[in-house]
PDB file of all heavy atoms in Angstrom:
ATOM      1  N   LYS A   1      52.567 -54.119  46.937  1.00  0.00           N
ATOM      2  CA  LYS A   1      52.516 -55.553  46.641  1.00  0.00           C
ATOM      3  C   LYS A   1      52.106 -55.801  45.197  1.00  0.00           C
ATOM      4  O   LYS A   1      52.742 -56.588  44.478  1.00  0.00           O
ATOM      5  CB  LYS A   1      51.535 -56.256  47.576  1.00  0.00           C
ATOM      6  CG  LYS A   1      51.464 -57.767  47.347  1.00  0.00           C
ATOM      7  CD  LYS A   1      50.344 -58.413  48.124  1.00  0.00           C
ATOM      8  CE  LYS A   1      49.003 -58.182  47.467  1.00  0.00           C
ATOM      9  NZ  LYS A   1      47.926 -58.978  48.081  1.00  0.00           N
ATOM     10  N   ASN A   2      51.062 -55.143  44.760  1.00  0.00           N
ATOM     11  CA  ASN A   2      50.568 -55.352  43.395  1.00  0.00           C
ATOM     12  C   ASN A   2      51.611 -54.999  42.351  1.00  0.00           C
ATOM     13  O   ASN A   2      51.772 -55.713  41.349  1.00  0.00           O
ATOM     14  CB  ASN A   2      49.294 -54.529  43.176  1.00  0.00           C
ATOM     15  CG  ASN A   2      48.122 -55.032  44.000  1.00  0.00           C
ATOM     16  OD1 ASN A   2      48.098 -56.190  44.412  1.00  0.00           O
ATOM     17  ND2 ASN A   2      47.147 -54.169  44.260  1.00  0.00           N
ATOM     18  N   ASP A   3      52.335 -53.915  42.577  1.00  0.00           N
ATOM     19  CA  ASP A   3      53.342 -53.507  41.596  1.00  0.00           C
ATOM     20  C   ASP A   3      54.602 -54.359  41.679  1.00  0.00           C
ATOM     21  O   ASP A   3      55.289 -54.566  40.666  1.00  0.00           O
ATOM     22  CB  ASP A   3      53.667 -52.021  41.770  1.00  0.00           C
ATOM     23  CG  ASP A   3      52.563 -51.126  41.229  1.00  0.00           C
ATOM     24  OD1 ASP A   3      51.874 -51.549  40.277  1.00  0.00           O
ATOM     25  OD2 ASP A   3      52.366 -50.016  41.755  1.00  0.00           O
ATOM     26  N   LEU A   4      54.925 -54.859  42.867  1.00  0.00           N
ATOM     27  CA  LEU A   4      56.046 -55.796  42.983  1.00  0.00           C
ATOM     28  C   LEU A   4      55.733 -57.098  42.258  1.00  0.00           C
ATOM     29  O   LEU A   4      56.592 -57.665  41.563  1.00  0.00           O
ATOM     30  CB  LEU A   4      56.359 -56.069  44.458  1.00  0.00           C
ATOM     31  CG  LEU A   4      57.025 -54.936  45.238  1.00  0.00           C
ATOM     32  CD1 LEU A   4      57.073 -55.275  46.729  1.00  0.00           C
ATOM     33  CD2 LEU A   4      58.443 -54.675  44.716  1.00  0.00           C
ATOM     34  N   ILE A   5      54.516 -57.583  42.407  1.00  0.00           N
ATOM     35  CA  ILE A   5      54.108 -58.800  41.702  1.00  0.00           C
ATOM     36  C   ILE A   5      54.165 -58.575  40.190  1.00  0.00           C
ATOM     37  O   ILE A   5      54.661 -59.423  39.437  1.00  0.00           O
ATOM     38  CB  ILE A   5      52.693 -59.222  42.134  1.00  0.00           C
ATOM     39  CG1 ILE A   5      52.696 -59.691  43.592  1.00  0.00           C
ATOM     40  CG2 ILE A   5      52.149 -60.331  41.230  1.00  0.00           C
ATOM     41  CD1 ILE A   5      51.307 -59.916  44.169  1.00  0.00           C
ATOM     42  N   ALA A   6      53.679 -57.427  39.751  1.00  0.00           N
ATOM     43  CA  ALA A   6      53.722 -57.093  38.316  1.00  0.00           C
ATOM     44  C   ALA A   6      55.156 -57.034  37.805  1.00  0.00           C
ATOM     45  O   ALA A   6      55.417 -57.308  36.624  1.00  0.00           O
ATOM     46  CB  ALA A   6      53.020 -55.758  38.072  1.00  0.00           C
ATOM     47  N   GLY A   7      56.086 -56.711  38.712  1.00  0.00           N
ATOM     48  CA  GLY A   7      57.500 -56.625  38.339  1.00  0.00           C
ATOM     49  C   GLY A   7      58.243 -57.940  38.462  1.00  0.00           C
ATOM     50  O   GLY A   7      59.458 -57.981  38.229  1.00  0.00           O
ATOM     51  N   GLY A   8      57.562 -59.006  38.870  1.00  0.00           N
ATOM     52  CA  GLY A   8      58.197 -60.322  38.891  1.00  0.00           C
ATOM     53  C   GLY A   8      58.533 -60.884  40.256  1.00  0.00           C
ATOM     54  O   GLY A   8      59.160 -61.948  40.355  1.00  0.00           O
ATOM     55  N   VAL A   9      58.127 -60.211  41.346  1.00  0.00           N
ATOM     56  CA  VAL A   9      58.366 -60.738  42.694  1.00  0.00           C
ATOM     57  C   VAL A   9      57.165 -61.613  43.077  1.00  0.00           C
ATOM     58  O   VAL A   9      56.037 -61.136  43.067  1.00  0.00           O
ATOM     59  CB  VAL A   9      58.536 -59.606  43.728  1.00  0.00           C
ATOM     60  CG1 VAL A   9      58.810 -60.197  45.111  1.00  0.00           C
ATOM     61  CG2 VAL A   9      59.662 -58.666  43.312  1.00  0.00           C
ATOM     62  N   PRO A  10      57.387 -62.890  43.412  1.00  0.00           N
ATOM     63  CA  PRO A  10      56.262 -63.767  43.754  1.00  0.00           C
ATOM     64  C   PRO A  10      55.500 -63.264  44.978  1.00  0.00           C
ATOM     65  O   PRO A  10      56.101 -62.783  45.943  1.00  0.00           O
ATOM     66  CB  PRO A  10      56.941 -65.111  44.059  1.00  0.00           C
ATOM     67  CG  PRO A  10      58.273 -65.033  43.394  1.00  0.00           C
ATOM     68  CD  PRO A  10      58.680 -63.596  43.449  1.00  0.00           C
ATOM     69  N   GLU A  11      54.186 -63.384  44.938  1.00  0.00           N
ATOM     70  CA  GLU A  11      53.352 -62.925  46.051  1.00  0.00           C
ATOM     71  C   GLU A  11      53.726 -63.608  47.355  1.00  0.00           C
ATOM     72  O   GLU A  11      53.679 -62.999  48.423  1.00  0.00           O
ATOM     73  CB  GLU A  11      51.877 -63.181  45.742  1.00  0.00           C
ATOM     74  CG  GLU A  11      50.937 -62.657  46.803  1.00  0.00           C
ATOM     75  CD  GLU A  11      49.479 -62.802  46.425  1.00  0.00           C
ATOM     76  OE1 GLU A  11      49.197 -63.401  45.369  1.00  0.00           O
ATOM     77  OE2 GLU A  11      48.626 -62.319  47.199  1.00  0.00           O
ATOM     78  N   SER A  12      54.136 -64.884  47.266  1.00  0.00           N
ATOM     79  CA  SER A  12      54.481 -65.646  48.474  1.00  0.00           C
ATOM     80  C   SER A  12      55.745 -65.139  49.155  1.00  0.00           C
ATOM     81  O   SER A  12      56.031 -65.502  50.295  1.00  0.00           O
ATOM     82  CB  SER A  12      54.656 -67.127  48.129  1.00  0.00           C
ATOM     83  OG  SER A  12      55.697 -67.298  47.171  1.00  0.00           O
ATOM     84  N   HIS A  13      56.501 -64.288  48.466  1.00  0.00           N
ATOM     85  CA  HIS A  13      57.735 -63.739  49.024  1.00  0.00           C
ATOM     86  C   HIS A  13      57.555 -62.293  49.501  1.00  0.00           C
ATOM     87  O   HIS A  13      58.532 -61.643  49.861  1.00  0.00           O
ATOM     88  CB  HIS A  13      58.860 -63.808  47.986  1.00  0.00           C
ATOM     89  CG  HIS A  13      59.330 -65.201  47.722  1.00  0.00           C
ATOM     90  ND1 HIS A  13      60.566 -65.476  47.172  1.00  0.00           N
ATOM     91  CD2 HIS A  13      58.753 -66.399  47.940  1.00  0.00           C
ATOM     92  CE1 HIS A  13      60.714 -66.776  47.055  1.00  0.00           C
ATOM     93  NE2 HIS A  13      59.622 -67.362  47.504  1.00  0.00           N
ATOM     94  N   ILE A  14      56.315 -61.832  49.499  1.00  0.00           N
ATOM     95  CA  ILE A  14      56.022 -60.458  49.907  1.00  0.00           C
ATOM     96  C   ILE A  14      55.206 -60.484  51.196  1.00  0.00           C
ATOM     97  O   ILE A  14      54.195 -61.182  51.288  1.00  0.00           O
ATOM     98  CB  ILE A  14      55.245 -59.699  48.818  1.00  0.00           C
ATOM     99  CG1 ILE A  14      56.028 -59.696  47.498  1.00  0.00           C
ATOM    100  CG2 ILE A  14      54.954 -58.259  49.264  1.00  0.00           C
ATOM    101  CD1 ILE A  14      55.230 -59.158  46.320  1.00  0.00           C
ATOM    102  N   TYR A  15      55.645 -59.713  52.189  1.00  0.00           N
ATOM    103  CA  TYR A  15      54.962 -59.637  53.477  1.00  0.00           C
ATOM    104  C   TYR A  15      54.561 -58.184  53.730  1.00  0.00           C
ATOM    105  O   TYR A  15      55.379 -57.277  53.553  1.00  0.00           O
ATOM    106  CB  TYR A  15      55.867 -60.145  54.599  1.00  0.00           C
ATOM    107  CG  TYR A  15      56.145 -61.625  54.488  1.00  0.00           C
ATOM    108  CD1 TYR A  15      57.079 -62.112  53.578  1.00  0.00           C
ATOM    109  CD2 TYR A  15      55.448 -62.539  55.273  1.00  0.00           C
ATOM    110  CE1 TYR A  15      57.317 -63.475  53.458  1.00  0.00           C
ATOM    111  CE2 TYR A  15      55.685 -63.904  55.167  1.00  0.00           C
ATOM    112  CZ  TYR A  15      56.615 -64.366  54.255  1.00  0.00           C
ATOM    113  OH  TYR A  15      56.849 -65.705  54.131  1.00  0.00           O
ATOM    114  N   LEU A  16      53.318 -57.999  54.121  1.00  0.00           N
ATOM    115  CA  LEU A  16      52.787 -56.642  54.264  1.00  0.00           C
ATOM    116  C   LEU A  16      52.689 -56.226  55.722  1.00  0.00           C
ATOM    117  O   LEU A  16      52.143 -56.952  56.559  1.00  0.00           O
ATOM    118  CB  LEU A  16      51.410 -56.547  53.605  1.00  0.00           C
ATOM    119  CG  LEU A  16      51.347 -56.929  52.121  1.00  0.00           C
ATOM    120  CD1 LEU A  16      49.962 -56.635  51.557  1.00  0.00           C
ATOM    121  CD2 LEU A  16      52.412 -56.208  51.309  1.00  0.00           C
ATOM    122  N   ASP A  17      53.210 -55.058  55.999  1.00  0.00           N
ATOM    123  CA  ASP A  17      53.094 -54.441  57.323  1.00  0.00           C
ATOM    124  C   ASP A  17      52.176 -53.237  57.175  1.00  0.00           C
ATOM    125  O   ASP A  17      52.583 -52.197  56.654  1.00  0.00           O
ATOM    126  CB  ASP A  17      54.474 -54.023  57.829  1.00  0.00           C
ATOM    127  CG  ASP A  17      54.404 -53.250  59.136  1.00  0.00           C
ATOM    128  OD1 ASP A  17      53.330 -53.274  59.774  1.00  0.00           O
ATOM    129  OD2 ASP A  17      55.400 -52.625  59.518  1.00  0.00           O
ATOM    130  N   TYR A  18      50.956 -53.381  57.633  1.00  0.00           N
ATOM    131  CA  TYR A  18      49.955 -52.338  57.461  1.00  0.00           C
ATOM    132  C   TYR A  18      50.056 -51.227  58.506  1.00  0.00           C
ATOM    133  O   TYR A  18      49.299 -50.265  58.446  1.00  0.00           O
ATOM    134  CB  TYR A  18      48.550 -52.952  57.525  1.00  0.00           C
ATOM    135  CG  TYR A  18      48.246 -53.895  56.386  1.00  0.00           C
ATOM    136  CD1 TYR A  18      48.259 -55.268  56.582  1.00  0.00           C
ATOM    137  CD2 TYR A  18      47.930 -53.413  55.118  1.00  0.00           C
ATOM    138  CE1 TYR A  18      47.959 -56.145  55.546  1.00  0.00           C
ATOM    139  CE2 TYR A  18      47.639 -54.272  54.071  1.00  0.00           C
ATOM    140  CZ  TYR A  18      47.658 -55.642  54.294  1.00  0.00           C
ATOM    141  OH  TYR A  18      47.376 -56.502  53.258  1.00  0.00           O
ATOM    142  N   ALA A  19      50.954 -51.379  59.465  1.00  0.00           N
ATOM    143  CA  ALA A  19      51.051 -50.395  60.551  1.00  0.00           C
ATOM    144  C   ALA A  19      52.384 -49.650  60.532  1.00  0.00           C
ATOM    145  O   ALA A  19      52.887 -49.232  61.572  1.00  0.00           O
ATOM    146  CB  ALA A  19      50.841 -51.077  61.902  1.00  0.00           C
ATOM    147  N   GLY A  20      52.938 -49.471  59.346  1.00  0.00           N
ATOM    148  CA  GLY A  20      54.174 -48.696  59.228  1.00  0.00           C
ATOM    149  C   GLY A  20      53.857 -47.221  59.058  1.00  0.00           C
ATOM    150  O   GLY A  20      54.139 -46.614  58.023  1.00  0.00           O
ATOM    151  N   PHE A  21      53.273 -46.641  60.084  1.00  0.00           N
ATOM    152  CA  PHE A  21      52.818 -45.251  59.994  1.00  0.00           C
ATOM    153  C   PHE A  21      53.970 -44.257  59.949  1.00  0.00           C
ATOM    154  O   PHE A  21      53.844 -43.163  59.404  1.00  0.00           O
ATOM    155  CB  PHE A  21      51.907 -44.920  61.182  1.00  0.00           C
ATOM    156  CG  PHE A  21      50.728 -45.852  61.300  1.00  0.00           C
ATOM    157  CD1 PHE A  21      50.581 -46.660  62.410  1.00  0.00           C
ATOM    158  CD2 PHE A  21      49.782 -45.927  60.290  1.00  0.00           C
ATOM    159  CE1 PHE A  21      49.499 -47.517  62.523  1.00  0.00           C
ATOM    160  CE2 PHE A  21      48.698 -46.784  60.386  1.00  0.00           C
ATOM    161  CZ  PHE A  21      48.562 -47.586  61.509  1.00  0.00           C
ATOM    162  N   ARG A  22      55.082 -44.641  60.578  1.00  0.00           N
ATOM    163  CA  ARG A  22      56.274 -43.804  60.584  1.00  0.00           C
ATOM    164  C   ARG A  22      57.481 -44.701  60.342  1.00  0.00           C
ATOM    165  O   ARG A  22      57.401 -45.928  60.484  1.00  0.00           O
ATOM    166  CB  ARG A  22      56.438 -43.107  61.942  1.00  0.00           C
ATOM    167  CG  ARG A  22      55.317 -42.177  62.323  1.00  0.00           C
ATOM    168  CD  ARG A  22      55.526 -41.647  63.736  1.00  0.00           C
ATOM    169  NE  ARG A  22      56.867 -41.118  63.912  1.00  0.00           N
ATOM    170  CZ  ARG A  22      57.489 -41.010  65.086  1.00  0.00           C
ATOM    171  NH1 ARG A  22      56.909 -41.417  66.191  1.00  0.00           N
ATOM    172  NH2 ARG A  22      58.696 -40.512  65.159  1.00  0.00           N
ATOM    173  N   THR A  23      58.601 -44.087  60.013  1.00  0.00           N
ATOM    174  CA  THR A  23      59.825 -44.857  59.803  1.00  0.00           C
ATOM    175  C   THR A  23      60.189 -45.641  61.056  1.00  0.00           C
ATOM    176  O   THR A  23      60.616 -46.797  60.975  1.00  0.00           O
ATOM    177  CB  THR A  23      60.980 -43.917  59.398  1.00  0.00           C
ATOM    178  OG1 THR A  23      60.598 -43.163  58.249  1.00  0.00           O
ATOM    179  CG2 THR A  23      62.232 -44.712  59.079  1.00  0.00           C
ATOM    180  N   LEU A  24      60.029 -45.035  62.220  1.00  0.00           N
ATOM    181  CA  LEU A  24      60.315 -45.722  63.477  1.00  0.00           C
ATOM    182  C   LEU A  24      59.460 -46.978  63.597  1.00  0.00           C
ATOM    183  O   LEU A  24      59.961 -48.057  63.941  1.00  0.00           O
ATOM    184  CB  LEU A  24      60.066 -44.783  64.661  1.00  0.00           C
ATOM    185  CG  LEU A  24      60.368 -45.331  66.061  1.00  0.00           C
ATOM    186  CD1 LEU A  24      60.866 -44.205  66.969  1.00  0.00           C
ATOM    187  CD2 LEU A  24      59.142 -45.981  66.691  1.00  0.00           C
ATOM    188  N   ASP A  25      58.168 -46.858  63.307  1.00  0.00           N
ATOM    189  CA  ASP A  25      57.270 -48.009  63.373  1.00  0.00           C
ATOM    190  C   ASP A  25      57.734 -49.115  62.427  1.00  0.00           C
ATOM    191  O   ASP A  25      57.749 -50.299  62.777  1.00  0.00           O
ATOM    192  CB  ASP A  25      55.845 -47.592  63.008  1.00  0.00           C
ATOM    193  CG  ASP A  25      55.252 -46.586  63.974  1.00  0.00           C
ATOM    194  OD1 ASP A  25      55.868 -45.517  64.157  1.00  0.00           O
ATOM    195  OD2 ASP A  25      54.192 -46.859  64.548  1.00  0.00           O
ATOM    196  N   SER A  26      58.120 -48.727  61.227  1.00  0.00           N
ATOM    197  CA  SER A  26      58.511 -49.710  60.213  1.00  0.00           C
ATOM    198  C   SER A  26      59.729 -50.521  60.631  1.00  0.00           C
ATOM    199  O   SER A  26      59.741 -51.756  60.513  1.00  0.00           O
ATOM    200  CB  SER A  26      58.798 -49.002  58.883  1.00  0.00           C
ATOM    201  OG  SER A  26      57.628 -48.402  58.366  1.00  0.00           O
ATOM    202  N   VAL A  27      60.758 -49.852  61.132  1.00  0.00           N
ATOM    203  CA  VAL A  27      61.983 -50.590  61.460  1.00  0.00           C
ATOM    204  C   VAL A  27      61.804 -51.428  62.721  1.00  0.00           C
ATOM    205  O   VAL A  27      62.288 -52.567  62.790  1.00  0.00           O
ATOM    206  CB  VAL A  27      63.204 -49.643  61.584  1.00  0.00           C
ATOM    207  CG1 VAL A  27      63.492 -48.971  60.250  1.00  0.00           C
ATOM    208  CG2 VAL A  27      63.023 -48.607  62.675  1.00  0.00           C
ATOM    209  N   VAL A  28      61.097 -50.900  63.703  1.00  0.00           N
ATOM    210  CA  VAL A  28      60.895 -51.668  64.930  1.00  0.00           C
ATOM    211  C   VAL A  28      60.000 -52.877  64.671  1.00  0.00           C
ATOM    212  O   VAL A  28      60.254 -53.982  65.158  1.00  0.00           O
ATOM    213  CB  VAL A  28      60.297 -50.783  66.048  1.00  0.00           C
ATOM    214  CG1 VAL A  28      59.963 -51.627  67.274  1.00  0.00           C
ATOM    215  CG2 VAL A  28      61.272 -49.677  66.425  1.00  0.00           C
ATOM    216  N   ARG A  29      58.970 -52.701  63.876  1.00  0.00           N
ATOM    217  CA  ARG A  29      58.071 -53.809  63.576  1.00  0.00           C
ATOM    218  C   ARG A  29      58.764 -54.886  62.729  1.00  0.00           C
ATOM    219  O   ARG A  29      58.425 -56.071  62.831  1.00  0.00           O
ATOM    220  CB  ARG A  29      56.813 -53.286  62.881  1.00  0.00           C
ATOM    221  CG  ARG A  29      55.860 -52.572  63.840  1.00  0.00           C
ATOM    222  CD  ARG A  29      54.670 -51.968  63.107  1.00  0.00           C
ATOM    223  NE  ARG A  29      53.936 -52.974  62.354  1.00  0.00           N
ATOM    224  CZ  ARG A  29      53.022 -53.780  62.883  1.00  0.00           C
ATOM    225  NH1 ARG A  29      52.720 -53.687  64.172  1.00  0.00           N
ATOM    226  NH2 ARG A  29      52.387 -54.648  62.125  1.00  0.00           N
ATOM    227  N   ALA A  30      59.736 -54.493  61.913  1.00  0.00           N
ATOM    228  CA  ALA A  30      60.500 -55.498  61.165  1.00  0.00           C
ATOM    229  C   ALA A  30      61.167 -56.479  62.119  1.00  0.00           C
ATOM    230  O   ALA A  30      61.284 -57.681  61.821  1.00  0.00           O
ATOM    231  CB  ALA A  30      61.545 -54.820  60.287  1.00  0.00           C
ATOM    232  N   LYS A  31      61.571 -55.991  63.274  1.00  0.00           N
ATOM    233  CA  LYS A  31      62.203 -56.854  64.281  1.00  0.00           C
ATOM    234  C   LYS A  31      61.176 -57.539  65.169  1.00  0.00           C
ATOM    235  O   LYS A  31      61.200 -58.760  65.342  1.00  0.00           O
ATOM    236  CB  LYS A  31      63.161 -56.023  65.139  1.00  0.00           C
ATOM    237  CG  LYS A  31      63.855 -56.829  66.232  1.00  0.00           C
ATOM    238  CD  LYS A  31      64.795 -55.946  67.063  1.00  0.00           C
ATOM    239  CE  LYS A  31      65.489 -56.759  68.144  1.00  0.00           C
ATOM    240  NZ  LYS A  31      66.389 -55.917  68.962  1.00  0.00           N
ATOM    241  N   GLU A  32      60.280 -56.756  65.742  1.00  0.00           N
ATOM    242  CA  GLU A  32      59.372 -57.283  66.763  1.00  0.00           C
ATOM    243  C   GLU A  32      58.244 -58.134  66.185  1.00  0.00           C
ATOM    244  O   GLU A  32      57.796 -59.086  66.823  1.00  0.00           O
ATOM    245  CB  GLU A  32      58.784 -56.124  67.573  1.00  0.00           C
ATOM    246  CG  GLU A  32      59.819 -55.298  68.323  1.00  0.00           C
ATOM    247  CD  GLU A  32      60.598 -56.115  69.342  1.00  0.00           C
ATOM    248  OE1 GLU A  32      60.037 -57.100  69.874  1.00  0.00           O
ATOM    249  OE2 GLU A  32      61.767 -55.775  69.597  1.00  0.00           O
ATOM    250  N   ILE A  33      57.778 -57.802  64.998  1.00  0.00           N
ATOM    251  CA  ILE A  33      56.671 -58.551  64.389  1.00  0.00           C
ATOM    252  C   ILE A  33      57.171 -59.596  63.402  1.00  0.00           C
ATOM    253  O   ILE A  33      56.718 -60.744  63.408  1.00  0.00           O
ATOM    254  CB  ILE A  33      55.678 -57.595  63.687  1.00  0.00           C
ATOM    255  CG1 ILE A  33      55.126 -56.574  64.679  1.00  0.00           C
ATOM    256  CG2 ILE A  33      54.552 -58.386  63.016  1.00  0.00           C
ATOM    257  CD1 ILE A  33      54.405 -57.176  65.864  1.00  0.00           C
ATOM    258  N   PHE A  34      58.145 -59.213  62.582  1.00  0.00           N
ATOM    259  CA  PHE A  34      58.603 -60.114  61.523  1.00  0.00           C
ATOM    260  C   PHE A  34      59.890 -60.859  61.881  1.00  0.00           C
ATOM    261  O   PHE A  34      60.408 -61.639  61.092  1.00  0.00           O
ATOM    262  CB  PHE A  34      58.780 -59.340  60.215  1.00  0.00           C
ATOM    263  CG  PHE A  34      57.483 -58.798  59.674  1.00  0.00           C
ATOM    264  CD1 PHE A  34      57.043 -57.525  60.003  1.00  0.00           C
ATOM    265  CD2 PHE A  34      56.677 -59.570  58.852  1.00  0.00           C
ATOM    266  CE1 PHE A  34      55.852 -57.020  59.518  1.00  0.00           C
ATOM    267  CE2 PHE A  34      55.476 -59.082  58.349  1.00  0.00           C
ATOM    268  CZ  PHE A  34      55.058 -57.806  58.694  1.00  0.00           C
TER     269      PHE A  34
END
């Protein structure tokens, strides 16, 4: 997030998933949580 903001992406357009422990977790949570 910090480096994306430094690169010009607004903080309000960034969403953090703190439980992406594995690739499977990341893709499933993109659907089920987000």
